[in-house]
């Protein structure tokens, strides 16, 4: 076989071969991997030197003729691997169990490239501990909440005479009592026989305290008029049993009682049209409620001063945690003062 292929030139080579080993069976890649640049392999199988013309033209013609030399085949000794080839080799050697590599933008900077800066590892926000200062602040906030207690309300002292009491304090005392009374009476089921002219179709949206405060401000209600409303509840319930103070009747009762008490206890009062406008009713409806009220109580609309005084002290005693009446002078102190004067 060696005698038949003593010399191999590009013109006589098999140009359709797909492997360089088909061109030279005695080709050994280890003998030419580290050859210096410009070295040409002798195409003679006997190891003789080739002619200059054949050695100069053989590689070029061979590259043009052989399709396998137009691109680099992995492991070929004729061209050095590129950076892309090295990356492909590295990726092919990665185990499928190894974690994927981070992108270039997310990779932490190495200590050699950043100098004195050290790479920092990012952790999840749930597992990362709070900074010491923030943790101390949270601990102080939690401890302050635990230590916080409800402030104790100071007890307000009211005048001994109800005539000298501010109307705002009386509004609070009466509205609190009415609210408790409404809560109890609303539990009673309403029947057709218990309907009165004071019942409304639905409870008004305004609260009892706000409604009573509106009446006292815009109608200039005096302390005696406010206390007379409490007196009217007892007398109306006694003479008219179907009437109960509930969320359906309390608002109409208050505007009617304010109208009647103003006319019975005060020298000057407003007209029914103004009372109806303040109370949110029509003039005809207020006139009917006033007449119904006077008939049911028997026209007894002027209470005694002692009765109003008892109602005043009873209301203050109900809210003993917030109010108290000014102490009276003891008999011993008054007698001592009279003897000293004599």
Protein backbone atom coordinates (compact mmCIF):
# COMPACT_ATOMS: atom_id res chain seq x y z
CA UNK A 1 0.00 0.00 0.00
CA UNK A 2 2.96 2.26 0.70
CA UNK A 3 4.43 1.65 -2.74
CA UNK A 4 1.28 2.55 -4.53
CA UNK A 5 0.98 5.89 -2.69
CA UNK A 6 4.59 7.04 -2.66
CA UNK A 7 3.64 10.64 -3.39
CA UNK A 8 0.34 12.47 -2.86
CA UNK A 9 -0.26 15.80 -4.50
CA UNK A 10 -3.39 17.96 -4.27
CA UNK A 11 -4.31 17.23 -7.84
CA UNK A 12 -4.34 13.50 -7.25
CA UNK A 13 -5.82 13.56 -3.72
CA UNK A 14 -9.31 12.38 -2.94
CA UNK A 15 -11.12 15.70 -2.67
CA UNK A 16 -14.44 14.12 -1.73
CA UNK A 17 -13.14 12.46 1.43
CA UNK A 18 -14.70 13.60 4.70
CA UNK A 19 -11.71 12.93 6.92
CA UNK A 20 -8.08 13.88 6.58
CA UNK A 21 -7.03 10.38 7.59
CA UNK A 22 -8.44 9.17 4.29
CA UNK A 23 -5.91 11.36 2.49
CA UNK A 24 -2.88 10.07 4.39
CA UNK A 25 -3.24 6.77 6.23
CA UNK A 26 0.12 7.23 7.94
CA UNK A 27 -0.88 10.65 9.38
CA UNK A 28 -0.17 10.90 13.14
CA UNK A 29 -1.60 14.04 14.84
CA UNK A 30 0.80 13.80 17.79
CA UNK A 31 3.75 14.43 15.49
CA UNK A 32 2.49 17.82 14.28
CA UNK A 33 0.52 19.33 17.21
CA UNK A 34 3.51 21.24 18.58
CA UNK A 35 5.24 21.94 15.24
CA UNK A 36 6.54 25.48 14.69
CA UNK A 37 4.71 27.87 12.40
CA UNK A 38 5.58 27.37 8.74
CA UNK A 39 6.17 23.67 9.11
CA UNK A 40 4.57 21.60 6.36
CA UNK A 41 3.97 17.91 6.73
CA UNK A 42 5.64 15.81 4.07
CA UNK A 43 3.00 14.22 1.87
CA UNK A 44 5.27 11.34 1.12
CA UNK A 45 4.42 8.10 2.91
CA UNK A 46 8.06 7.12 2.86
CA UNK A 47 9.10 10.15 4.91
CA UNK A 48 10.95 11.90 2.08
CA UNK A 49 10.88 15.61 1.50
CA UNK A 50 8.29 16.97 -0.85
CA UNK A 51 9.06 19.33 -3.66
CA UNK A 52 8.76 23.04 -2.93
CA UNK A 53 6.00 23.49 -5.43
CA UNK A 54 3.90 20.73 -3.96
CA UNK A 55 4.51 21.80 -0.34
CA UNK A 56 3.53 25.38 -1.02
CA UNK A 57 0.33 24.62 -2.84
CA UNK A 58 -0.84 21.53 -1.03
CA UNK A 59 -2.33 23.11 2.16
CA UNK A 60 -4.26 25.79 0.23
CA UNK A 61 -5.63 23.38 -2.30
CA UNK A 62 -6.39 20.87 0.40
CA UNK A 63 -8.38 23.41 2.44
CA UNK A 64 -10.35 24.47 -0.61
CA UNK A 65 -11.02 20.89 -1.65
CA UNK A 66 -11.90 19.37 1.72
CA UNK A 67 -15.22 20.60 3.17
CA UNK A 68 -14.27 19.35 6.62
CA UNK A 69 -11.45 21.88 6.92
CA UNK A 70 -13.65 24.94 6.25
CA UNK A 71 -14.85 24.87 9.86
CA UNK A 72 -13.06 23.81 12.97
CA UNK A 73 -13.78 20.31 14.13
CA UNK A 74 -13.49 19.75 17.88
CA UNK A 75 -10.12 18.15 18.62
CA UNK A 76 -8.54 19.14 15.29
CA UNK A 77 -4.81 19.83 15.64
CA UNK A 78 -4.70 22.40 12.83
CA UNK A 79 -6.35 25.37 14.57
CA UNK A 80 -6.37 26.56 18.18
CA UNK A 81 -9.68 26.58 20.10
CA UNK A 82 -11.51 29.88 20.34
CA UNK A 83 -13.15 31.42 23.44
CA UNK A 84 -16.58 30.26 22.32
CA UNK A 85 -15.28 26.70 21.95
CA UNK A 86 -13.79 26.80 25.43
CA UNK A 87 -17.11 28.02 26.85
CA UNK A 88 -18.95 25.23 25.04
CA UNK A 89 -16.53 22.67 26.43
CA UNK A 90 -16.96 24.06 29.94
CA UNK A 91 -20.76 23.95 29.70
CA UNK A 92 -20.68 20.38 28.43
CA UNK A 93 -18.60 19.33 31.45
CA UNK A 94 -21.02 20.84 34.00
CA UNK A 95 -22.95 18.25 35.94
CA UNK A 96 -26.74 18.40 35.62
CA UNK A 97 -26.94 18.51 39.44
CA UNK A 98 -24.79 21.62 39.73
CA UNK A 99 -26.64 24.92 40.22
CA UNK A 100 -26.94 27.22 37.22
CA UNK A 101 -24.40 29.97 36.91
CA UNK A 102 -25.46 33.48 37.78
CA UNK A 103 -25.65 36.09 35.03
CA UNK A 104 -22.73 38.40 34.62
CA UNK A 105 -24.63 41.35 36.10
CA UNK A 106 -25.61 39.41 39.25
CA UNK A 107 -22.27 37.78 39.96
CA UNK A 108 -20.58 39.23 43.06
CA UNK A 109 -17.39 41.09 42.36
CA UNK A 110 -14.24 39.17 43.25
CA UNK A 111 -11.75 40.42 45.79
CA UNK A 112 -9.04 40.77 43.14
CA UNK A 113 -11.10 43.07 40.90
CA UNK A 114 -12.53 45.28 43.66
CA UNK A 115 -9.47 45.53 45.80
CA UNK A 116 -10.40 45.97 49.45
CA UNK A 117 -14.14 45.43 48.84
CA UNK A 118 -15.39 42.04 49.93
CA UNK A 119 -18.17 40.20 48.15
CA UNK A 120 -21.50 40.23 49.98
CA UNK A 121 -24.02 37.43 49.81
CA UNK A 122 -27.65 38.40 49.34
CA UNK A 123 -30.08 36.64 51.66
CA UNK A 124 -33.84 36.43 51.65
CA UNK A 125 -35.65 39.20 53.58
CA UNK A 126 -37.39 36.68 55.83
CA UNK A 127 -34.18 35.04 57.03
CA UNK A 128 -32.15 38.25 57.34
CA UNK A 129 -32.02 39.56 60.91
CA UNK A 130 -33.03 43.10 61.75
CA UNK A 131 -30.32 45.66 62.34
CA UNK A 132 -29.52 46.13 66.01
CA UNK A 133 -30.85 49.70 66.09
CA UNK A 134 -34.13 48.82 64.39
CA UNK A 135 -34.56 45.78 66.62
CA UNK A 136 -34.05 47.90 69.72
CA UNK A 137 -36.61 50.40 68.45
CA UNK A 138 -39.17 47.65 67.89
CA UNK A 139 -38.55 46.25 71.36
CA UNK A 140 -39.05 49.69 72.90
CA UNK A 141 -42.28 50.19 70.97
CA UNK A 142 -43.62 46.81 72.10
CA UNK A 143 -42.68 47.44 75.71
CA UNK A 144 -44.28 50.89 75.65
CA UNK A 145 -47.53 49.39 74.32
CA UNK A 146 -47.52 46.83 77.10
CA UNK A 147 -46.91 49.46 79.72
CA UNK A 148 -49.53 51.82 78.30
CA UNK A 149 -52.65 51.90 80.38
CA UNK A 150 -55.97 53.60 80.01
CA UNK A 151 -55.83 57.12 81.38
CA UNK A 152 -57.97 57.63 84.42
CA UNK A 153 -60.69 60.19 83.82
CA UNK A 154 -60.78 62.97 86.35
CA UNK A 155 -64.05 63.47 88.21
CA UNK A 156 -65.65 66.78 87.37
CA UNK A 157 -67.35 68.70 90.15
CA UNK A 158 -70.74 70.17 89.27
CA UNK A 159 -72.43 73.04 91.07
CA UNK A 160 -74.74 72.27 93.96
CA UNK A 161 -77.67 74.00 92.27
CA UNK A 162 -78.81 72.66 88.91
CA UNK A 163 -79.61 76.21 87.74
CA UNK A 164 -75.86 76.95 87.71
CA UNK A 165 -74.89 73.79 85.81
CA UNK A 166 -73.69 74.13 82.25
CA UNK A 167 -76.11 72.78 79.67
CA UNK A 168 -73.38 70.69 78.00
CA UNK A 169 -72.92 68.68 81.20
CA UNK A 170 -76.67 68.16 81.52
CA UNK A 171 -76.83 67.00 77.91
CA UNK A 172 -74.23 64.33 78.67
CA UNK A 173 -76.05 63.21 81.82
CA UNK A 174 -79.48 62.98 80.16
CA UNK A 175 -78.28 61.42 76.88
CA UNK A 176 -76.44 58.70 78.78
CA UNK A 177 -79.58 57.85 80.74
CA UNK A 178 -81.71 57.86 77.59
CA UNK A 179 -79.25 55.64 75.77
CA UNK A 180 -79.45 53.00 78.49
CA UNK A 181 -83.25 53.23 78.54
CA UNK A 182 -83.47 52.85 74.75
CA UNK A 183 -81.20 49.80 74.85
CA UNK A 184 -83.53 48.09 77.33
CA UNK A 185 -86.81 48.98 75.59
CA UNK A 186 -85.58 47.98 72.12
CA UNK A 187 -85.46 44.37 73.32
CA UNK A 188 -89.24 44.40 73.80
CA UNK A 189 -90.99 43.17 70.63
CA UNK A 190 -93.21 45.82 69.07
CA UNK A 191 -96.85 44.98 68.46
CA UNK A 192 -99.61 46.86 66.66
CA UNK A 193 -101.32 47.77 69.92
CA UNK A 194 -98.15 49.47 71.17
CA UNK A 195 -97.89 51.98 68.33
CA UNK A 196 -98.33 55.64 69.28
CA UNK A 197 -98.12 58.94 67.49
CA UNK A 198 -94.51 59.26 68.69
CA UNK A 199 -93.35 56.20 66.74
CA UNK A 200 -91.46 56.74 63.52
CA UNK A 201 -91.05 54.32 60.65
CA UNK A 202 -87.29 53.88 61.13
CA UNK A 203 -84.77 55.05 63.73
CA UNK A 204 -83.17 58.40 62.78
CA UNK A 205 -79.52 58.36 61.85
CA UNK A 206 -78.56 61.09 64.33
CA UNK A 207 -77.59 59.91 67.80
CA UNK A 208 -79.43 60.89 70.96
CA UNK A 209 -76.53 62.95 72.29
CA UNK A 210 -76.12 64.88 69.03
CA UNK A 211 -79.85 65.49 68.70
CA UNK A 212 -80.21 66.72 72.27
CA UNK A 213 -77.15 68.93 71.86
CA UNK A 214 -78.67 70.40 68.69
CA UNK A 215 -81.88 71.25 70.52
CA UNK A 216 -80.08 72.83 73.48
CA UNK A 217 -77.88 75.01 71.26
CA UNK A 218 -80.32 76.19 68.59
CA UNK A 219 -83.40 76.41 70.84
CA UNK A 220 -81.49 77.91 73.82
CA UNK A 221 -82.76 75.34 76.31
CA UNK A 222 -82.20 76.15 79.97
CA UNK A 223 -81.16 73.56 82.63
CA UNK A 224 -84.70 73.47 84.02
CA UNK A 225 -86.09 72.59 80.57
CA UNK A 226 -83.58 69.76 80.14
CA UNK A 227 -84.42 68.29 83.54
CA UNK A 228 -88.15 68.65 82.81
CA UNK A 229 -87.71 66.21 79.91
CA UNK A 230 -86.75 63.50 82.42
CA UNK A 231 -89.78 64.37 84.50
CA UNK A 232 -92.03 64.11 81.42
CA UNK A 233 -90.81 60.56 80.76
CA UNK A 234 -92.06 59.36 84.13
CA UNK A 235 -95.36 61.18 84.01
CA UNK A 236 -96.09 60.17 80.39
CA UNK A 237 -95.26 56.52 81.05
CA UNK A 238 -97.55 56.56 84.10
CA UNK A 239 -100.57 58.10 82.38
CA UNK A 240 -99.98 56.57 78.94
CA UNK A 241 -98.72 52.94 79.29
CA UNK A 242 -98.34 52.21 75.52
CA UNK A 243 -95.62 54.85 75.36
CA UNK A 244 -92.04 53.61 75.82
CA UNK A 245 -88.77 55.39 75.14
CA UNK A 246 -87.17 53.49 72.28
CA UNK A 247 -85.10 54.24 69.22
CA UNK A 248 -88.36 54.90 67.31
CA UNK A 249 -89.87 57.38 69.81
CA UNK A 250 -87.02 59.15 71.61
CA UNK A 251 -86.35 61.85 68.99
CA UNK A 252 -89.96 62.91 68.56
CA UNK A 253 -90.44 62.87 72.31
CA UNK A 254 -87.44 65.18 72.87
CA UNK A 255 -88.55 67.87 70.41
CA UNK A 256 -92.12 67.73 71.76
CA UNK A 257 -90.95 67.93 75.38
CA UNK A 258 -88.62 70.85 74.57
CA UNK A 259 -91.50 72.73 72.93
CA UNK A 260 -93.93 72.13 75.82
CA UNK A 261 -91.39 72.83 78.59
CA UNK A 262 -90.24 76.09 76.97
CA UNK A 263 -93.80 77.36 76.87
CA UNK A 264 -94.56 76.24 80.43
CA UNK A 265 -91.35 77.35 82.24
CA UNK A 266 -89.87 80.24 80.24
CA UNK A 267 -91.20 83.74 79.74
CA UNK A 268 -89.87 83.89 76.18
CA UNK A 269 -89.87 81.01 73.70
CA UNK A 270 -89.79 80.33 69.99
CA UNK A 271 -92.62 79.62 67.61
CA UNK A 272 -93.61 76.10 66.62
CA UNK A 273 -92.32 76.64 63.09
CA UNK A 274 -88.81 77.28 64.46
CA UNK A 275 -89.00 74.30 66.82
CA UNK A 276 -90.14 72.09 63.95
CA UNK A 277 -87.29 73.34 61.78
CA UNK A 278 -84.74 72.64 64.52
CA UNK A 279 -86.18 69.21 65.25
CA UNK A 280 -86.50 68.15 61.63
CA UNK A 281 -90.30 67.83 61.58
CA UNK A 282 -93.08 69.51 59.73
CA UNK A 283 -95.16 72.17 61.47
CA UNK A 284 -98.34 70.12 61.26
CA UNK A 285 -96.67 67.06 62.74
CA UNK A 286 -95.22 69.02 65.65
CA UNK A 287 -98.61 70.59 66.40
CA UNK A 288 -100.20 67.13 66.54
CA UNK A 289 -97.46 65.79 68.79
CA UNK A 290 -97.77 68.75 71.15
CA UNK A 291 -101.51 68.30 71.47
CA UNK A 292 -101.17 64.55 72.00
CA UNK A 293 -98.56 65.13 74.70
CA UNK A 294 -100.63 67.69 76.61
CA UNK A 295 -103.69 65.46 76.59
CA UNK A 296 -101.76 62.39 77.80
CA UNK A 297 -100.07 64.16 80.74
CA UNK A 298 -103.27 65.99 81.77
CA UNK A 299 -101.76 69.44 81.08
CA UNK A 300 -99.42 69.06 84.07
CA UNK A 301 -96.27 70.43 82.53
CA UNK A 302 -94.75 72.52 85.38
CA UNK A 303 -92.75 70.39 87.84
CA UNK A 304 -91.67 71.57 91.28
CA UNK A 305 -88.14 72.76 91.96
CA UNK A 306 -87.57 69.97 94.50
CA UNK A 307 -88.48 67.35 91.91
CA UNK A 308 -85.98 68.76 89.42
CA UNK A 309 -83.34 68.83 92.15
CA UNK A 310 -83.88 65.14 92.85
CA UNK A 311 -83.61 64.29 89.16
CA UNK A 312 -80.41 66.31 88.94
CA UNK A 313 -78.71 64.47 91.79
CA UNK A 314 -79.93 61.10 90.53
CA UNK A 315 -78.39 61.72 87.13
CA UNK A 316 -75.07 62.71 88.69
CA UNK A 317 -75.04 59.60 90.88
CA UNK A 318 -75.50 57.42 87.78
CA UNK A 319 -72.24 58.77 86.40
CA UNK A 320 -70.31 58.97 89.66
CA UNK A 321 -67.12 58.01 87.83
CA UNK A 322 -67.14 61.27 85.85
CA UNK A 323 -69.23 63.74 87.85
CA UNK A 324 -69.97 64.63 91.41
CA UNK A 325 -71.97 67.39 93.04
CA UNK A 326 -70.23 70.06 95.07
CA UNK A 327 -70.29 69.21 98.80
CA UNK A 328 -72.70 71.08 101.04
CA UNK A 329 -71.59 72.82 104.20
CA UNK A 330 -71.92 70.67 107.30
CA UNK A 331 -74.18 71.88 110.14
CA UNK A 332 -71.27 72.03 112.61
CA UNK A 333 -69.25 74.35 110.44
CA UNK A 334 -72.24 76.62 109.82
CA UNK A 335 -73.06 76.84 113.57
CA UNK A 336 -69.41 77.57 114.39
CA UNK A 337 -69.32 80.35 111.86
CA UNK A 338 -72.54 81.87 113.30
CA UNK A 339 -71.17 81.73 116.87
CA UNK A 340 -67.92 83.35 115.84
CA UNK A 341 -69.84 86.15 114.17
CA UNK A 342 -71.98 86.68 117.32
